[in-house]
């Protein structure tokens, strides 16, 4: 019993390290997308990579994808296609992507040490940065 606990502890630590590394990996695809409607692009992505993109059709009605190559980064293609349309996305490590017109997805908890954090458009936890200090006061006249 005494040797079982350290072994399980080491296995647990090793599994969390492996999972945290998998979340940062990008999905690569290939193809030629010239003024391709987003819905058609999403179908091609799912067929080729298994990544399913969730969105509402009216959000992407006017979005076209323009990219070509044998080693395309899904993150880069989504940023270039969705950014100008004011859409945000979040890629989950399990092969799912979510789109939203209402701001970036927050995939990490803020620093509760008193510093607010601002998420990037794509909400990668490694890209969170502290907000600059503010001298603004709330309606009650207190510092936020």
N, C-alpha and C. Protein backbone atom coordinates (compact mmCIF):
# COMPACT_ATOMS: atom_id res chain seq x y z
N UNK A 1 0.82 -1.19 0.00
CA UNK A 1 0.00 0.00 0.00
C UNK A 1 0.87 1.27 0.00
N UNK A 2 2.01 1.21 0.69
CA UNK A 2 2.88 2.38 0.75
C UNK A 2 3.51 2.68 -0.61
N UNK A 3 3.77 1.69 -1.40
CA UNK A 3 4.37 1.93 -2.71
C UNK A 3 3.31 2.29 -3.76
N UNK A 4 2.07 1.92 -3.52
CA UNK A 4 1.01 2.21 -4.47
C UNK A 4 0.72 3.71 -4.55
N UNK A 5 0.69 4.39 -3.42
CA UNK A 5 0.40 5.82 -3.42
C UNK A 5 1.43 6.63 -4.21
N UNK A 6 2.73 6.47 -4.01
CA UNK A 6 3.69 7.25 -4.81
C UNK A 6 3.60 6.95 -6.31
N UNK A 7 3.32 5.71 -6.65
CA UNK A 7 3.20 5.35 -8.06
C UNK A 7 1.99 6.05 -8.68
N UNK A 8 0.86 6.01 -7.99
CA UNK A 8 -0.34 6.68 -8.49
C UNK A 8 -0.14 8.19 -8.58
N UNK A 9 0.56 8.76 -7.61
CA UNK A 9 0.82 10.19 -7.61
C UNK A 9 1.67 10.58 -8.82
N UNK A 10 2.71 9.82 -9.12
CA UNK A 10 3.57 10.09 -10.26
C UNK A 10 2.80 9.95 -11.57
N UNK A 11 1.95 8.92 -11.67
CA UNK A 11 1.14 8.74 -12.88
C UNK A 11 0.16 9.90 -13.06
N UNK A 12 -0.42 10.38 -11.96
CA UNK A 12 -1.36 11.49 -12.06
C UNK A 12 -0.64 12.76 -12.54
N UNK A 13 0.52 13.05 -11.97
CA UNK A 13 1.31 14.22 -12.40
C UNK A 13 1.67 14.10 -13.87
N UNK A 14 2.10 12.94 -14.30
CA UNK A 14 2.48 12.74 -15.70
C UNK A 14 1.29 12.93 -16.63
N UNK A 15 0.11 12.46 -16.23
CA UNK A 15 -1.07 12.61 -17.09
C UNK A 15 -1.50 14.06 -17.22
N UNK A 16 -1.39 14.85 -16.14
CA UNK A 16 -1.77 16.26 -16.24
C UNK A 16 -0.80 17.03 -17.11
N UNK A 17 0.47 16.69 -17.08
CA UNK A 17 1.45 17.36 -17.94
C UNK A 17 1.17 17.07 -19.40
N UNK A 18 0.82 15.83 -19.69
CA UNK A 18 0.53 15.46 -21.07
C UNK A 18 -0.72 16.18 -21.57
N UNK A 19 -1.76 16.25 -20.75
CA UNK A 19 -2.99 16.91 -21.17
C UNK A 19 -2.80 18.40 -21.38
N UNK A 20 -2.00 19.05 -20.55
CA UNK A 20 -1.81 20.48 -20.74
C UNK A 20 -1.05 20.77 -22.02
N UNK A 21 -0.18 19.90 -22.44
CA UNK A 21 0.53 20.08 -23.69
C UNK A 21 -0.36 19.87 -24.90
N UNK A 22 -1.34 18.99 -24.79
CA UNK A 22 -2.23 18.72 -25.91
C UNK A 22 -3.15 19.89 -26.22
N UNK A 23 -3.51 20.67 -25.21
CA UNK A 23 -4.42 21.78 -25.41
C UNK A 23 -3.84 22.89 -26.29
N UNK A 24 -2.54 22.98 -26.40
CA UNK A 24 -1.91 24.06 -27.15
C UNK A 24 -1.64 23.68 -28.60
N UNK A 25 -1.81 22.40 -28.95
CA UNK A 25 -1.52 21.96 -30.31
C UNK A 25 -2.52 22.55 -31.28
N UNK A 26 -2.05 22.89 -32.46
CA UNK A 26 -2.92 23.44 -33.49
C UNK A 26 -3.37 22.31 -34.41
N UNK A 27 -4.49 22.51 -35.04
CA UNK A 27 -5.02 21.56 -36.01
C UNK A 27 -4.56 22.02 -37.39
N UNK A 28 -3.98 21.11 -38.13
CA UNK A 28 -3.50 21.44 -39.47
C UNK A 28 -4.42 20.81 -40.51
N UNK A 29 -4.61 21.51 -41.61
CA UNK A 29 -5.42 20.99 -42.70
C UNK A 29 -4.81 21.42 -44.02
N UNK A 30 -5.32 20.84 -45.09
CA UNK A 30 -4.84 21.23 -46.41
C UNK A 30 -6.03 21.43 -47.33
N UNK A 31 -5.82 22.24 -48.34
CA UNK A 31 -6.89 22.49 -49.29
C UNK A 31 -6.75 23.83 -49.96
N UNK A 32 -7.68 24.06 -50.87
CA UNK A 32 -7.72 25.33 -51.60
C UNK A 32 -9.12 25.90 -51.40
N UNK A 33 -9.19 26.96 -50.64
CA UNK A 33 -10.46 27.60 -50.32
C UNK A 33 -10.42 29.02 -50.87
N UNK A 34 -11.10 29.21 -51.99
CA UNK A 34 -11.14 30.52 -52.65
C UNK A 34 -12.57 31.03 -52.62
N UNK A 35 -12.81 32.06 -51.81
CA UNK A 35 -14.16 32.60 -51.61
C UNK A 35 -15.15 31.49 -51.26
N UNK A 36 -14.71 30.57 -50.43
CA UNK A 36 -15.54 29.44 -50.01
C UNK A 36 -16.48 29.88 -48.90
N UNK A 37 -17.78 29.64 -49.04
CA UNK A 37 -18.71 29.98 -47.95
C UNK A 37 -18.29 29.25 -46.67
N UNK A 38 -18.46 29.91 -45.53
CA UNK A 38 -17.98 29.34 -44.27
C UNK A 38 -18.60 27.98 -43.99
N UNK A 39 -19.88 27.81 -44.27
CA UNK A 39 -20.54 26.52 -43.99
C UNK A 39 -19.86 25.39 -44.76
N UNK A 40 -19.50 25.66 -46.00
CA UNK A 40 -18.80 24.66 -46.82
C UNK A 40 -17.40 24.38 -46.25
N UNK A 41 -16.72 25.44 -45.80
CA UNK A 41 -15.40 25.28 -45.18
C UNK A 41 -15.51 24.43 -43.92
N UNK A 42 -16.52 24.70 -43.09
CA UNK A 42 -16.69 23.95 -41.84
C UNK A 42 -16.90 22.46 -42.12
N UNK A 43 -17.65 22.15 -43.17
CA UNK A 43 -17.85 20.74 -43.55
C UNK A 43 -16.53 20.10 -43.98
N UNK A 44 -15.73 20.84 -44.74
CA UNK A 44 -14.43 20.32 -45.19
C UNK A 44 -13.49 20.10 -44.01
N UNK A 45 -13.52 21.02 -43.05
CA UNK A 45 -12.67 20.87 -41.86
C UNK A 45 -13.06 19.61 -41.09
N UNK A 46 -14.36 19.40 -40.90
CA UNK A 46 -14.80 18.22 -40.16
C UNK A 46 -14.45 16.93 -40.89
N UNK A 47 -14.64 16.92 -42.20
CA UNK A 47 -14.33 15.73 -42.98
C UNK A 47 -12.83 15.40 -42.94
N UNK A 48 -12.01 16.44 -42.97
CA UNK A 48 -10.56 16.24 -43.04
C UNK A 48 -9.89 16.03 -41.69
N UNK A 49 -10.36 16.75 -40.66
CA UNK A 49 -9.67 16.73 -39.37
C UNK A 49 -10.49 16.14 -38.22
N UNK A 50 -11.79 16.05 -38.40
CA UNK A 50 -12.65 15.59 -37.31
C UNK A 50 -13.09 16.70 -36.38
N UNK A 51 -12.60 17.93 -36.60
CA UNK A 51 -12.99 19.07 -35.76
C UNK A 51 -14.36 19.56 -36.21
N UNK A 52 -15.30 19.56 -35.28
CA UNK A 52 -16.66 20.03 -35.59
C UNK A 52 -16.78 21.48 -35.12
N UNK A 53 -17.22 22.36 -36.00
CA UNK A 53 -17.36 23.78 -35.69
C UNK A 53 -18.84 24.07 -35.44
N UNK A 54 -19.15 24.60 -34.25
CA UNK A 54 -20.52 24.93 -33.88
C UNK A 54 -20.77 26.42 -34.07
N UNK A 55 -21.84 26.76 -34.78
CA UNK A 55 -22.17 28.15 -35.06
C UNK A 55 -23.62 28.22 -35.50
N UNK A 56 -24.15 29.41 -35.57
CA UNK A 56 -25.49 29.62 -36.12
C UNK A 56 -25.32 30.09 -37.55
N UNK A 57 -26.09 29.54 -38.47
CA UNK A 57 -25.91 29.88 -39.89
C UNK A 57 -25.97 31.38 -40.20
N UNK A 58 -26.82 32.14 -39.52
CA UNK A 58 -26.91 33.57 -39.84
C UNK A 58 -25.66 34.34 -39.40
N UNK A 59 -24.86 33.79 -38.47
CA UNK A 59 -23.62 34.45 -38.07
C UNK A 59 -22.61 34.46 -39.21
N UNK A 60 -22.60 33.39 -40.01
CA UNK A 60 -21.56 33.22 -41.03
C UNK A 60 -22.11 33.34 -42.44
N UNK A 61 -23.32 33.86 -42.58
CA UNK A 61 -23.97 33.93 -43.90
C UNK A 61 -23.11 34.67 -44.92
N UNK A 62 -22.39 35.71 -44.51
CA UNK A 62 -21.59 36.50 -45.44
C UNK A 62 -20.09 36.24 -45.31
N UNK A 63 -19.70 35.24 -44.53
CA UNK A 63 -18.29 34.97 -44.31
C UNK A 63 -17.76 34.01 -45.38
N UNK A 64 -16.65 34.42 -46.01
CA UNK A 64 -15.98 33.57 -47.00
C UNK A 64 -14.56 33.28 -46.53
N UNK A 65 -14.09 32.09 -46.84
CA UNK A 65 -12.75 31.68 -46.45
C UNK A 65 -11.85 31.72 -47.67
N UNK A 66 -10.69 32.35 -47.53
CA UNK A 66 -9.69 32.42 -48.59
C UNK A 66 -8.36 31.94 -48.04
N UNK A 67 -8.01 30.72 -48.36
CA UNK A 67 -6.73 30.14 -47.91
C UNK A 67 -6.41 28.95 -48.80
N UNK A 68 -5.12 28.71 -49.00
CA UNK A 68 -4.70 27.57 -49.80
C UNK A 68 -3.35 27.09 -49.30
N UNK A 69 -3.17 25.77 -49.28
CA UNK A 69 -1.89 25.21 -48.89
C UNK A 69 -2.01 23.78 -48.42
N UNK A 70 -0.85 23.16 -48.22
CA UNK A 70 -0.80 21.78 -47.74
C UNK A 70 -0.64 21.69 -46.23
N UNK A 71 -0.38 22.81 -45.57
CA UNK A 71 -0.18 22.83 -44.13
C UNK A 71 -0.77 24.11 -43.55
N UNK A 72 -2.10 24.19 -43.56
CA UNK A 72 -2.81 25.37 -43.06
C UNK A 72 -3.14 25.21 -41.58
N UNK A 73 -2.88 26.23 -40.82
CA UNK A 73 -3.25 26.25 -39.40
C UNK A 73 -4.73 26.62 -39.30
N UNK A 74 -5.52 25.77 -38.66
CA UNK A 74 -6.94 26.06 -38.51
C UNK A 74 -7.14 27.36 -37.72
N UNK A 75 -6.34 27.58 -36.68
CA UNK A 75 -6.45 28.82 -35.90
C UNK A 75 -6.23 30.05 -36.79
N UNK A 76 -5.20 30.00 -37.61
CA UNK A 76 -4.87 31.14 -38.47
C UNK A 76 -5.97 31.39 -39.49
N UNK A 77 -6.48 30.32 -40.10
CA UNK A 77 -7.54 30.47 -41.10
C UNK A 77 -8.81 31.03 -40.45
N UNK A 78 -9.16 30.51 -39.27
CA UNK A 78 -10.35 31.02 -38.58
C UNK A 78 -10.18 32.49 -38.19
N UNK A 79 -9.00 32.87 -37.71
CA UNK A 79 -8.77 34.27 -37.35
C UNK A 79 -8.92 35.18 -38.55
N UNK A 80 -8.36 34.79 -39.68
CA UNK A 80 -8.42 35.67 -40.86
C UNK A 80 -9.82 35.73 -41.45
N UNK A 81 -10.59 34.66 -41.34
CA UNK A 81 -11.94 34.65 -41.91
C UNK A 81 -12.97 35.28 -40.97
N UNK A 82 -12.85 35.02 -39.68
CA UNK A 82 -13.87 35.45 -38.73
C UNK A 82 -13.62 36.83 -38.14
N UNK A 83 -12.36 37.22 -38.00
CA UNK A 83 -12.03 38.52 -37.41
C UNK A 83 -12.72 39.69 -38.07
N UNK A 84 -12.61 39.83 -39.40
CA UNK A 84 -13.27 40.96 -40.06
C UNK A 84 -14.79 40.95 -39.91
N UNK A 85 -15.38 39.77 -39.67
CA UNK A 85 -16.83 39.67 -39.50
C UNK A 85 -17.26 39.93 -38.05
N UNK A 86 -16.27 40.16 -37.16
CA UNK A 86 -16.60 40.41 -35.77
C UNK A 86 -16.98 39.16 -35.00
N UNK A 87 -16.51 38.01 -35.46
CA UNK A 87 -16.81 36.75 -34.80
C UNK A 87 -15.60 36.24 -34.03
N UNK A 88 -15.86 35.56 -32.94
CA UNK A 88 -14.81 34.99 -32.10
C UNK A 88 -14.94 33.47 -32.14
N UNK A 89 -13.85 32.78 -31.80
CA UNK A 89 -13.91 31.32 -31.76
C UNK A 89 -13.06 30.80 -30.62
N UNK A 90 -13.35 29.56 -30.27
CA UNK A 90 -12.56 28.86 -29.25
C UNK A 90 -12.42 27.42 -29.71
N UNK A 91 -11.18 26.94 -29.77
CA UNK A 91 -10.90 25.54 -30.14
C UNK A 91 -10.67 24.73 -28.88
N UNK A 92 -11.43 23.67 -28.71
CA UNK A 92 -11.25 22.74 -27.60
C UNK A 92 -10.29 21.64 -28.03
N UNK A 93 -9.48 21.13 -27.11
CA UNK A 93 -8.54 20.05 -27.46
C UNK A 93 -9.24 18.79 -27.97
N UNK A 94 -10.50 18.57 -27.62
CA UNK A 94 -11.21 17.36 -28.01
C UNK A 94 -11.74 17.37 -29.43
N UNK A 95 -11.41 18.37 -30.23
CA UNK A 95 -11.87 18.40 -31.61
C UNK A 95 -13.19 19.11 -31.81
N UNK A 96 -13.42 20.17 -31.05
CA UNK A 96 -14.64 20.96 -31.16
C UNK A 96 -14.25 22.43 -31.19
N UNK A 97 -14.93 23.21 -32.03
CA UNK A 97 -14.72 24.65 -32.08
C UNK A 97 -16.08 25.34 -31.91
N UNK A 98 -16.08 26.44 -31.18
CA UNK A 98 -17.29 27.21 -30.94
C UNK A 98 -17.09 28.62 -31.47
N UNK A 99 -18.11 29.15 -32.16
CA UNK A 99 -18.08 30.51 -32.66
C UNK A 99 -19.08 31.34 -31.86
N UNK A 100 -18.80 32.65 -31.77
CA UNK A 100 -19.71 33.56 -31.08
C UNK A 100 -19.51 34.98 -31.60
N UNK A 101 -20.59 35.74 -31.73
CA UNK A 101 -20.46 37.15 -32.10
C UNK A 101 -20.36 38.06 -30.88
N UNK A 102 -20.40 37.50 -29.67
CA UNK A 102 -20.53 38.31 -28.47
C UNK A 102 -19.27 38.42 -27.64
N UNK A 103 -18.14 38.34 -28.22
CA UNK A 103 -16.91 38.54 -27.47
C UNK A 103 -16.14 37.25 -27.31
N UNK A 104 -14.93 37.40 -26.85
CA UNK A 104 -14.05 36.23 -26.75
C UNK A 104 -14.51 35.26 -25.68
N UNK A 105 -14.25 34.00 -25.93
CA UNK A 105 -14.49 32.97 -24.93
C UNK A 105 -13.39 33.07 -23.89
N UNK A 106 -13.73 32.92 -22.66
CA UNK A 106 -12.74 32.90 -21.60
C UNK A 106 -12.56 31.46 -21.17
N UNK A 107 -11.39 30.92 -21.44
CA UNK A 107 -11.15 29.52 -21.15
C UNK A 107 -10.25 29.32 -19.94
N UNK A 108 -9.97 30.40 -19.21
CA UNK A 108 -9.15 30.31 -18.01
C UNK A 108 -9.71 31.27 -16.97
N UNK A 109 -9.57 30.91 -15.71
CA UNK A 109 -10.02 31.79 -14.65
C UNK A 109 -9.09 32.99 -14.54
N UNK A 110 -9.64 34.14 -14.16
CA UNK A 110 -8.77 35.31 -13.99
C UNK A 110 -7.88 35.16 -12.76
N UNK A 111 -6.90 35.99 -12.67
CA UNK A 111 -6.01 36.04 -11.53
C UNK A 111 -6.77 36.72 -10.39
N UNK A 112 -7.11 35.96 -9.36
CA UNK A 112 -7.88 36.52 -8.26
C UNK A 112 -6.99 37.22 -7.23
N UNK A 113 -5.77 37.54 -7.63
CA UNK A 113 -4.87 38.28 -6.75
C UNK A 113 -5.14 39.77 -6.80
N UNK A 114 -6.24 40.19 -7.41
CA UNK A 114 -6.58 41.59 -7.44
C UNK A 114 -6.35 42.24 -8.79
N UNK A 115 -5.75 41.52 -9.74
CA UNK A 115 -5.50 42.09 -11.06
C UNK A 115 -6.52 41.54 -12.04
N UNK A 116 -7.32 42.38 -12.68
CA UNK A 116 -8.22 41.88 -13.72
C UNK A 116 -7.40 41.45 -14.95
N UNK A 117 -7.91 40.49 -15.68
CA UNK A 117 -7.22 40.04 -16.88
C UNK A 117 -8.11 40.23 -18.09
N UNK A 118 -7.48 40.43 -19.22
CA UNK A 118 -8.18 40.66 -20.48
C UNK A 118 -7.85 39.50 -21.40
N UNK A 119 -8.87 38.89 -21.97
CA UNK A 119 -8.67 37.75 -22.87
C UNK A 119 -8.46 38.25 -24.29
N UNK A 120 -7.65 37.52 -25.05
CA UNK A 120 -7.44 37.85 -26.46
C UNK A 120 -8.65 37.39 -27.26
N UNK A 121 -8.68 37.70 -28.54
CA UNK A 121 -9.82 37.32 -29.38
C UNK A 121 -10.05 35.82 -29.36
N UNK A 122 -9.02 35.05 -29.36
CA UNK A 122 -9.13 33.61 -29.46
C UNK A 122 -9.11 32.94 -28.08
N UNK A 123 -8.82 33.69 -27.05
CA UNK A 123 -8.90 33.25 -25.66
C UNK A 123 -7.96 32.13 -25.31
N UNK A 124 -6.78 32.12 -25.82
CA UNK A 124 -5.78 31.14 -25.43
C UNK A 124 -5.27 31.53 -24.05
N UNK A 125 -5.33 30.60 -23.04
CA UNK A 125 -4.90 30.97 -21.70
C UNK A 125 -3.47 31.52 -21.65
N UNK A 126 -2.62 31.12 -22.56
CA UNK A 126 -1.26 31.63 -22.57
C UNK A 126 -1.17 33.06 -23.06
N UNK A 127 -2.26 33.57 -23.64
CA UNK A 127 -2.25 34.92 -24.18
C UNK A 127 -2.99 35.93 -23.29
N UNK A 128 -3.41 35.53 -22.08
CA UNK A 128 -4.10 36.46 -21.20
C UNK A 128 -3.10 37.47 -20.67
N UNK A 129 -3.51 38.71 -20.60
CA UNK A 129 -2.61 39.75 -20.10
C UNK A 129 -3.37 40.65 -19.14
N UNK A 130 -2.69 41.16 -18.12
CA UNK A 130 -3.37 42.03 -17.16
C UNK A 130 -3.84 43.33 -17.82
N UNK A 131 -5.00 43.81 -17.36
CA UNK A 131 -5.48 45.13 -17.80
C UNK A 131 -4.59 46.19 -17.20
N UNK A 132 -4.40 47.31 -17.89
CA UNK A 132 -3.61 48.40 -17.29
C UNK A 132 -4.35 48.95 -16.08
N UNK A 133 -3.63 49.51 -15.11
CA UNK A 133 -4.28 50.08 -13.92
C UNK A 133 -5.25 51.18 -14.32
N UNK A 134 -6.32 51.27 -13.59
CA UNK A 134 -7.35 52.26 -13.90
C UNK A 134 -7.52 53.21 -12.73
N UNK A 135 -7.71 54.47 -13.04
CA UNK A 135 -7.97 55.46 -12.01
C UNK A 135 -9.45 55.81 -11.95
N UNK A 136 -10.26 55.05 -12.67
CA UNK A 136 -11.69 55.31 -12.73
C UNK A 136 -12.35 54.92 -11.41
N UNK A 137 -13.43 55.60 -11.09
CA UNK A 137 -14.17 55.26 -9.89
C UNK A 137 -15.53 54.74 -10.29
N UNK A 138 -16.12 53.92 -9.44
CA UNK A 138 -17.44 53.37 -9.73
C UNK A 138 -18.50 54.41 -9.38
N UNK A 139 -19.78 54.07 -9.59
CA UNK A 139 -20.86 54.99 -9.29
C UNK A 139 -20.93 55.31 -7.79
N UNK A 140 -20.48 54.38 -6.98
CA UNK A 140 -20.52 54.60 -5.53
C UNK A 140 -19.34 55.45 -5.09
N UNK A 141 -18.45 55.86 -5.99
CA UNK A 141 -17.33 56.71 -5.66
C UNK A 141 -16.13 55.95 -5.13
N UNK A 142 -16.15 54.62 -5.22
CA UNK A 142 -15.03 53.80 -4.74
C UNK A 142 -14.19 53.37 -5.92
N UNK A 143 -12.94 53.05 -5.63
CA UNK A 143 -12.07 52.47 -6.66
C UNK A 143 -12.58 51.07 -6.95
N UNK A 144 -12.62 50.64 -8.23
CA UNK A 144 -13.09 49.28 -8.55
C UNK A 144 -12.14 48.24 -8.00
